[in-house]
Amino acid sequence: MKEEIIKHLPYILSGITIYQMLLAGNKKRRAWLYGLVNQFLWLIWIILSSTWGLLPMNIALWIVYGRNYLKWKIN
């Protein structure tokens, strides 16, 4: 099961990231909520695959997406 998650989750992460960027480009506030969900999934992938070098990016993006969600008053 762990190997299947490690193998397939990046495709889901990529799809969510692309959709999130389209939403952000259309100034949709919910884009940042999708980003937060995506970062949770990234965290799962980082832990399962032991790719600890991605952890600082994950933490930083939690902060950025949370900040952006709170600051955006559009839609």
PDB file of N, CA and C in Angstrom:
ATOM      1  N   MET A   1       0.831  -1.204   0.000  1.00  0.00           N
ATOM      2  CA  MET A   1       0.000   0.000   0.000  1.00  0.00           C
ATOM      3  C   MET A   1       0.871   1.261   0.000  1.00  0.00           C
ATOM      4  N   LYS A   2       1.901   1.285   0.862  1.00  0.00           N
ATOM      5  CA  LYS A   2       2.780   2.449   0.946  1.00  0.00           C
ATOM      6  C   LYS A   2       3.426   2.741  -0.408  1.00  0.00           C
ATOM      7  N   GLU A   3       3.885   1.696  -1.086  1.00  0.00           N
ATOM      8  CA  GLU A   3       4.535   1.878  -2.383  1.00  0.00           C
ATOM      9  C   GLU A   3       3.562   2.427  -3.426  1.00  0.00           C
ATOM     10  N   GLU A   4       2.316   1.987  -3.348  1.00  0.00           N
ATOM     11  CA  GLU A   4       1.294   2.472  -4.285  1.00  0.00           C
ATOM     12  C   GLU A   4       1.017   3.958  -4.061  1.00  0.00           C
ATOM     13  N   ILE A   5       0.954   4.366  -2.810  1.00  0.00           N
ATOM     14  CA  ILE A   5       0.747   5.785  -2.498  1.00  0.00           C
ATOM     15  C   ILE A   5       1.919   6.606  -3.003  1.00  0.00           C
ATOM     16  N   ILE A   6       3.126   6.140  -2.724  1.00  0.00           N
ATOM     17  CA  ILE A   6       4.330   6.855  -3.175  1.00  0.00           C
ATOM     18  C   ILE A   6       4.353   6.958  -4.692  1.00  0.00           C
ATOM     19  N   LYS A   7       3.909   5.916  -5.370  1.00  0.00           N
ATOM     20  CA  LYS A   7       3.934   5.875  -6.834  1.00  0.00           C
ATOM     21  C   LYS A   7       2.864   6.763  -7.458  1.00  0.00           C
ATOM     22  N   HIS A   8       1.650   6.765  -6.909  1.00  0.00           N
ATOM     23  CA  HIS A   8       0.518   7.422  -7.571  1.00  0.00           C
ATOM     24  C   HIS A   8       0.180   8.814  -7.034  1.00  0.00           C
ATOM     25  N   LEU A   9       0.505   9.110  -5.802  1.00  0.00           N
ATOM     26  CA  LEU A   9       0.136  10.404  -5.220  1.00  0.00           C
ATOM     27  C   LEU A   9       0.714  11.597  -5.982  1.00  0.00           C
ATOM     28  N   PRO A  10       1.933  11.530  -6.533  1.00  0.00           N
ATOM     29  CA  PRO A  10       2.425  12.695  -7.284  1.00  0.00           C
ATOM     30  C   PRO A  10       1.527  13.126  -8.445  1.00  0.00           C
ATOM     31  N   TYR A  11       0.823  12.186  -9.065  1.00  0.00           N
ATOM     32  CA  TYR A  11      -0.095  12.549 -10.155  1.00  0.00           C
ATOM     33  C   TYR A  11      -1.274  13.364  -9.616  1.00  0.00           C
ATOM     34  N   ILE A  12      -1.788  12.962  -8.471  1.00  0.00           N
ATOM     35  CA  ILE A  12      -2.878  13.697  -7.829  1.00  0.00           C
ATOM     36  C   ILE A  12      -2.385  15.070  -7.392  1.00  0.00           C
ATOM     37  N   LEU A  13      -1.208  15.112  -6.801  1.00  0.00           N
ATOM     38  CA  LEU A  13      -0.625  16.388  -6.359  1.00  0.00           C
ATOM     39  C   LEU A  13      -0.446  17.339  -7.534  1.00  0.00           C
ATOM     40  N   SER A  14       0.014  16.814  -8.649  1.00  0.00           N
ATOM     41  CA  SER A  14       0.197  17.656  -9.839  1.00  0.00           C
ATOM     42  C   SER A  14      -1.133  18.215 -10.320  1.00  0.00           C
ATOM     43  N   GLY A  15      -2.150  17.377 -10.378  1.00  0.00           N
ATOM     44  CA  GLY A  15      -3.466  17.838 -10.821  1.00  0.00           C
ATOM     45  C   GLY A  15      -4.042  18.911  -9.916  1.00  0.00           C
ATOM     46  N   ILE A  16      -3.927  18.709  -8.610  1.00  0.00           N
ATOM     47  CA  ILE A  16      -4.431  19.709  -7.661  1.00  0.00           C
ATOM     48  C   ILE A  16      -3.667  21.019  -7.814  1.00  0.00           C
ATOM     49  N   THR A  17      -2.351  20.931  -7.973  1.00  0.00           N
ATOM     50  CA  THR A  17      -1.537  22.143  -8.117  1.00  0.00           C
ATOM     51  C   THR A  17      -1.925  22.925  -9.368  1.00  0.00           C
ATOM     52  N   ILE A  18      -2.120  22.233 -10.480  1.00  0.00           N
ATOM     53  CA  ILE A  18      -2.519  22.908 -11.725  1.00  0.00           C
ATOM     54  C   ILE A  18      -3.877  23.577 -11.554  1.00  0.00           C
ATOM     55  N   TYR A  19      -4.843  22.853 -10.983  1.00  0.00           N
ATOM     56  CA  TYR A  19      -6.173  23.422 -10.762  1.00  0.00           C
ATOM     57  C   TYR A  19      -6.104  24.619  -9.817  1.00  0.00           C
ATOM     58  N   GLN A  20      -5.305  24.492  -8.768  1.00  0.00           N
ATOM     59  CA  GLN A  20      -5.161  25.575  -7.802  1.00  0.00           C
ATOM     60  C   GLN A  20      -4.594  26.827  -8.468  1.00  0.00           C
ATOM     61  N   MET A  21      -3.604  26.674  -9.330  1.00  0.00           N
ATOM     62  CA  MET A  21      -3.014  27.826 -10.000  1.00  0.00           C
ATOM     63  C   MET A  21      -4.012  28.474 -10.960  1.00  0.00           C
ATOM     64  N   LEU A  22      -4.857  27.663 -11.605  1.00  0.00           N
ATOM     65  CA  LEU A  22      -5.911  28.230 -12.454  1.00  0.00           C
ATOM     66  C   LEU A  22      -6.890  29.048 -11.613  1.00  0.00           C
ATOM     67  N   LEU A  23      -7.265  28.521 -10.452  1.00  0.00           N
ATOM     68  CA  LEU A  23      -8.165  29.263  -9.563  1.00  0.00           C
ATOM     69  C   LEU A  23      -7.518  30.567  -9.091  1.00  0.00           C
ATOM     70  N   ALA A  24      -6.254  30.495  -8.712  1.00  0.00           N
ATOM     71  CA  ALA A  24      -5.560  31.702  -8.245  1.00  0.00           C
ATOM     72  C   ALA A  24      -5.477  32.740  -9.365  1.00  0.00           C
ATOM     73  N   GLY A  25      -5.234  32.275 -10.587  1.00  0.00           N
ATOM     74  CA  GLY A  25      -5.183  33.186 -11.733  1.00  0.00           C
ATOM     75  C   GLY A  25      -6.517  33.850 -12.005  1.00  0.00           C
ATOM     76  N   ASN A  26      -7.588  33.188 -11.604  1.00  0.00           N
ATOM     77  CA  ASN A  26      -8.928  33.755 -11.741  1.00  0.00           C
ATOM     78  C   ASN A  26      -9.379  34.474 -10.476  1.00  0.00           C
ATOM     79  N   LYS A  27      -8.448  34.693  -9.571  1.00  0.00           N
ATOM     80  CA  LYS A  27      -8.663  35.435  -8.327  1.00  0.00           C
ATOM     81  C   LYS A  27      -9.739  34.813  -7.442  1.00  0.00           C
ATOM     82  N   LYS A  28      -9.730  33.499  -7.354  1.00  0.00           N
ATOM     83  CA  LYS A  28     -10.662  32.784  -6.490  1.00  0.00           C
ATOM     84  C   LYS A  28      -9.981  32.508  -5.149  1.00  0.00           C
ATOM     85  N   ARG A  29     -10.592  32.963  -4.093  1.00  0.00           N
ATOM     86  CA  ARG A  29     -10.021  32.799  -2.758  1.00  0.00           C
ATOM     87  C   ARG A  29      -9.849  31.323  -2.385  1.00  0.00           C
ATOM     88  N   ARG A  30     -10.741  30.477  -2.862  1.00  0.00           N
ATOM     89  CA  ARG A  30     -10.665  29.057  -2.515  1.00  0.00           C
ATOM     90  C   ARG A  30      -9.418  28.372  -3.082  1.00  0.00           C
ATOM     91  N   ALA A  31      -8.726  29.032  -3.999  1.00  0.00           N
ATOM     92  CA  ALA A  31      -7.471  28.480  -4.521  1.00  0.00           C
ATOM     93  C   ALA A  31      -6.521  28.151  -3.379  1.00  0.00           C
ATOM     94  N   TRP A  32      -6.503  29.006  -2.374  1.00  0.00           N
ATOM     95  CA  TRP A  32      -5.564  28.821  -1.267  1.00  0.00           C
ATOM     96  C   TRP A  32      -6.009  27.688  -0.353  1.00  0.00           C
ATOM     97  N   LEU A  33      -7.307  27.412  -0.289  1.00  0.00           N
ATOM     98  CA  LEU A  33      -7.779  26.241   0.454  1.00  0.00           C
ATOM     99  C   LEU A  33      -7.333  24.956  -0.243  1.00  0.00           C
ATOM    100  N   TYR A  34      -7.441  24.942  -1.568  1.00  0.00           N
ATOM    101  CA  TYR A  34      -6.938  23.793  -2.321  1.00  0.00           C
ATOM    102  C   TYR A  34      -5.436  23.629  -2.076  1.00  0.00           C
ATOM    103  N   GLY A  35      -4.733  24.750  -2.001  1.00  0.00           N
ATOM    104  CA  GLY A  35      -3.302  24.690  -1.721  1.00  0.00           C
ATOM    105  C   GLY A  35      -3.010  24.074  -0.361  1.00  0.00           C
ATOM    106  N   LEU A  36      -3.807  24.421   0.634  1.00  0.00           N
ATOM    107  CA  LEU A  36      -3.608  23.854   1.973  1.00  0.00           C
ATOM    108  C   LEU A  36      -3.881  22.350   1.979  1.00  0.00           C
ATOM    109  N   VAL A  37      -4.946  21.932   1.302  1.00  0.00           N
ATOM    110  CA  VAL A  37      -5.231  20.498   1.200  1.00  0.00           C
ATOM    111  C   VAL A  37      -4.082  19.798   0.475  1.00  0.00           C
ATOM    112  N   ASN A  38      -3.601  20.425  -0.581  1.00  0.00           N
ATOM    113  CA  ASN A  38      -2.497  19.861  -1.346  1.00  0.00           C
ATOM    114  C   ASN A  38      -1.236  19.718  -0.492  1.00  0.00           C
ATOM    115  N   GLN A  39      -0.988  20.706   0.355  1.00  0.00           N
ATOM    116  CA  GLN A  39       0.197  20.618   1.211  1.00  0.00           C
ATOM    117  C   GLN A  39       0.069  19.491   2.231  1.00  0.00           C
ATOM    118  N   PHE A  40      -1.146  19.221   2.681  1.00  0.00           N
ATOM    119  CA  PHE A  40      -1.355  18.084   3.569  1.00  0.00           C
ATOM    120  C   PHE A  40      -1.009  16.783   2.848  1.00  0.00           C
ATOM    121  N   LEU A  41      -1.460  16.671   1.590  1.00  0.00           N
ATOM    122  CA  LEU A  41      -1.140  15.479   0.804  1.00  0.00           C
ATOM    123  C   LEU A  41       0.361  15.384   0.523  1.00  0.00           C
ATOM    124  N   TRP A  42       0.984  16.541   0.261  1.00  0.00           N
ATOM    125  CA  TRP A  42       2.443  16.554   0.092  1.00  0.00           C
ATOM    126  C   TRP A  42       3.136  16.054   1.351  1.00  0.00           C
ATOM    127  N   LEU A  43       2.650  16.477   2.494  1.00  0.00           N
ATOM    128  CA  LEU A  43       3.254  16.052   3.756  1.00  0.00           C
ATOM    129  C   LEU A  43       3.166  14.535   3.909  1.00  0.00           C
ATOM    130  N   ILE A  44       2.039  13.965   3.557  1.00  0.00           N
ATOM    131  CA  ILE A  44       1.898  12.507   3.595  1.00  0.00           C
ATOM    132  C   ILE A  44       2.939  11.866   2.682  1.00  0.00           C
ATOM    133  N   TRP A  45       3.067  12.391   1.470  1.00  0.00           N
ATOM    134  CA  TRP A  45       4.015  11.834   0.509  1.00  0.00           C
ATOM    135  C   TRP A  45       5.458  11.980   1.009  1.00  0.00           C
ATOM    136  N   ILE A  46       5.786  13.133   1.568  1.00  0.00           N
ATOM    137  CA  ILE A  46       7.128  13.375   2.101  1.00  0.00           C
ATOM    138  C   ILE A  46       7.456  12.355   3.187  1.00  0.00           C
ATOM    139  N   ILE A  47       6.522  12.132   4.086  1.00  0.00           N
ATOM    140  CA  ILE A  47       6.757  11.185   5.190  1.00  0.00           C
ATOM    141  C   ILE A  47       6.900   9.761   4.661  1.00  0.00           C
ATOM    142  N   LEU A  48       5.975   9.336   3.799  1.00  0.00           N
ATOM    143  CA  LEU A  48       6.011   7.959   3.301  1.00  0.00           C
ATOM    144  C   LEU A  48       7.233   7.669   2.435  1.00  0.00           C
ATOM    145  N   SER A  49       7.663   8.679   1.672  1.00  0.00           N
ATOM    146  CA  SER A  49       8.793   8.469   0.767  1.00  0.00           C
ATOM    147  C   SER A  49      10.123   8.886   1.391  1.00  0.00           C
ATOM    148  N   SER A  50      10.072   9.416   2.604  1.00  0.00           N
ATOM    149  CA  SER A  50      11.278   9.876   3.322  1.00  0.00           C
ATOM    150  C   SER A  50      12.083  10.887   2.514  1.00  0.00           C
ATOM    151  N   THR A  51      11.386  11.781   1.843  1.00  0.00           N
ATOM    152  CA  THR A  51      12.051  12.845   1.085  1.00  0.00           C
ATOM    153  C   THR A  51      12.069  14.111   1.925  1.00  0.00           C
ATOM    154  N   TRP A  52      12.866  14.068   2.965  1.00  0.00           N
ATOM    155  CA  TRP A  52      12.876  15.115   3.982  1.00  0.00           C
ATOM    156  C   TRP A  52      13.342  16.465   3.454  1.00  0.00           C
ATOM    157  N   GLY A  53      14.036  16.484   2.350  1.00  0.00           N
ATOM    158  CA  GLY A  53      14.481  17.746   1.770  1.00  0.00           C
ATOM    159  C   GLY A  53      13.336  18.622   1.298  1.00  0.00           C
ATOM    160  N   LEU A  54      12.165  18.043   1.083  1.00  0.00           N
ATOM    161  CA  LEU A  54      10.989  18.814   0.664  1.00  0.00           C
ATOM    162  C   LEU A  54      10.204  19.389   1.835  1.00  0.00           C
ATOM    163  N   LEU A  55      10.555  18.991   3.043  1.00  0.00           N
ATOM    164  CA  LEU A  55       9.815  19.445   4.217  1.00  0.00           C
ATOM    165  C   LEU A  55       9.872  20.964   4.419  1.00  0.00           C
ATOM    166  N   PRO A  56      11.028  21.625   4.252  1.00  0.00           N
ATOM    167  CA  PRO A  56      11.033  23.090   4.401  1.00  0.00           C
ATOM    168  C   PRO A  56      10.096  23.791   3.412  1.00  0.00           C
ATOM    169  N   MET A  57      10.053  23.287   2.165  1.00  0.00           N
ATOM    170  CA  MET A  57       9.139  23.862   1.186  1.00  0.00           C
ATOM    171  C   MET A  57       7.695  23.658   1.632  1.00  0.00           C
ATOM    172  N   ASN A  58       7.389  22.481   2.131  1.00  0.00           N
ATOM    173  CA  ASN A  58       6.039  22.167   2.584  1.00  0.00           C
ATOM    174  C   ASN A  58       5.611  23.108   3.703  1.00  0.00           C
ATOM    175  N   ILE A  59       6.469  23.306   4.678  1.00  0.00           N
ATOM    176  CA  ILE A  59       6.160  24.199   5.805  1.00  0.00           C
ATOM    177  C   ILE A  59       5.951  25.628   5.305  1.00  0.00           C
ATOM    178  N   ALA A  60       6.843  26.093   4.427  1.00  0.00           N
ATOM    179  CA  ALA A  60       6.733  27.454   3.901  1.00  0.00           C
ATOM    180  C   ALA A  60       5.430  27.650   3.134  1.00  0.00           C
ATOM    181  N   LEU A  61       5.034  26.658   2.345  1.00  0.00           N
ATOM    182  CA  LEU A  61       3.806  26.794   1.565  1.00  0.00           C
ATOM    183  C   LEU A  61       2.559  26.730   2.432  1.00  0.00           C
ATOM    184  N   TRP A  62       2.596  25.962   3.541  1.00  0.00           N
ATOM    185  CA  TRP A  62       1.478  26.019   4.503  1.00  0.00           C
ATOM    186  C   TRP A  62       1.276  27.469   4.939  1.00  0.00           C
ATOM    187  N   ILE A  63       2.375  28.133   5.277  1.00  0.00           N
ATOM    188  CA  ILE A  63       2.311  29.516   5.766  1.00  0.00           C
ATOM    189  C   ILE A  63       1.821  30.463   4.674  1.00  0.00           C
ATOM    190  N   VAL A  64       2.383  30.352   3.467  1.00  0.00           N
ATOM    191  CA  VAL A  64       2.009  31.241   2.364  1.00  0.00           C
ATOM    192  C   VAL A  64       0.537  31.054   1.979  1.00  0.00           C
ATOM    193  N   TYR A  65       0.100  29.810   1.830  1.00  0.00           N
ATOM    194  CA  TYR A  65      -1.283  29.568   1.426  1.00  0.00           C
ATOM    195  C   TYR A  65      -2.259  30.005   2.513  1.00  0.00           C
ATOM    196  N   GLY A  66      -1.921  29.770   3.755  1.00  0.00           N
ATOM    197  CA  GLY A  66      -2.775  30.229   4.855  1.00  0.00           C
ATOM    198  C   GLY A  66      -2.862  31.738   4.884  1.00  0.00           C
ATOM    199  N   ARG A  67      -1.723  32.398   4.724  1.00  0.00           N
ATOM    200  CA  ARG A  67      -1.673  33.860   4.693  1.00  0.00           C
ATOM    201  C   ARG A  67      -2.508  34.400   3.537  1.00  0.00           C
ATOM    202  N   ASN A  68      -2.306  33.833   2.352  1.00  0.00           N
ATOM    203  CA  ASN A  68      -3.036  34.314   1.182  1.00  0.00           C
ATOM    204  C   ASN A  68      -4.541  34.121   1.346  1.00  0.00           C
ATOM    205  N   TYR A  69      -4.945  32.996   1.912  1.00  0.00           N
ATOM    206  CA  TYR A  69      -6.373  32.763   2.123  1.00  0.00           C
ATOM    207  C   TYR A  69      -6.960  33.832   3.048  1.00  0.00           C
ATOM    208  N   LEU A  70      -6.242  34.154   4.094  1.00  0.00           N
ATOM    209  CA  LEU A  70      -6.737  35.156   5.050  1.00  0.00           C
ATOM    210  C   LEU A  70      -6.736  36.565   4.454  1.00  0.00           C
ATOM    211  N   LYS A  71      -5.795  36.868   3.584  1.00  0.00           N
ATOM    212  CA  LYS A  71      -5.685  38.211   3.015  1.00  0.00           C
ATOM    213  C   LYS A  71      -6.614  38.458   1.828  1.00  0.00           C
ATOM    214  N   TRP A  72      -6.935  37.417   1.084  1.00  0.00           N
ATOM    215  CA  TRP A  72      -7.748  37.603  -0.122  1.00  0.00           C
ATOM    216  C   TRP A  72      -9.205  37.820   0.268  1.00  0.00           C
ATOM    217  N   LYS A  73      -9.764  38.900  -0.190  1.00  0.00           N
ATOM    218  CA  LYS A  73     -11.165  39.200   0.080  1.00  0.00           C
ATOM    219  C   LYS A  73     -12.007  39.057  -1.194  1.00  0.00           C
ATOM    220  N   ILE A  74     -11.411  38.550  -2.255  1.00  0.00           N
ATOM    221  CA  ILE A  74     -12.062  38.431  -3.547  1.00  0.00           C
ATOM    222  C   ILE A  74     -12.773  37.083  -3.636  1.00  0.00           C
ATOM    223  N   ASN A  75     -13.980  37.067  -4.114  1.00  0.00           N
ATOM    224  CA  ASN A  75     -14.778  35.858  -4.368  1.00  0.00           C
ATOM    225  C   ASN A  75     -14.785  34.969  -3.150  1.00  0.00           C
TER     226      ASN A  75
END
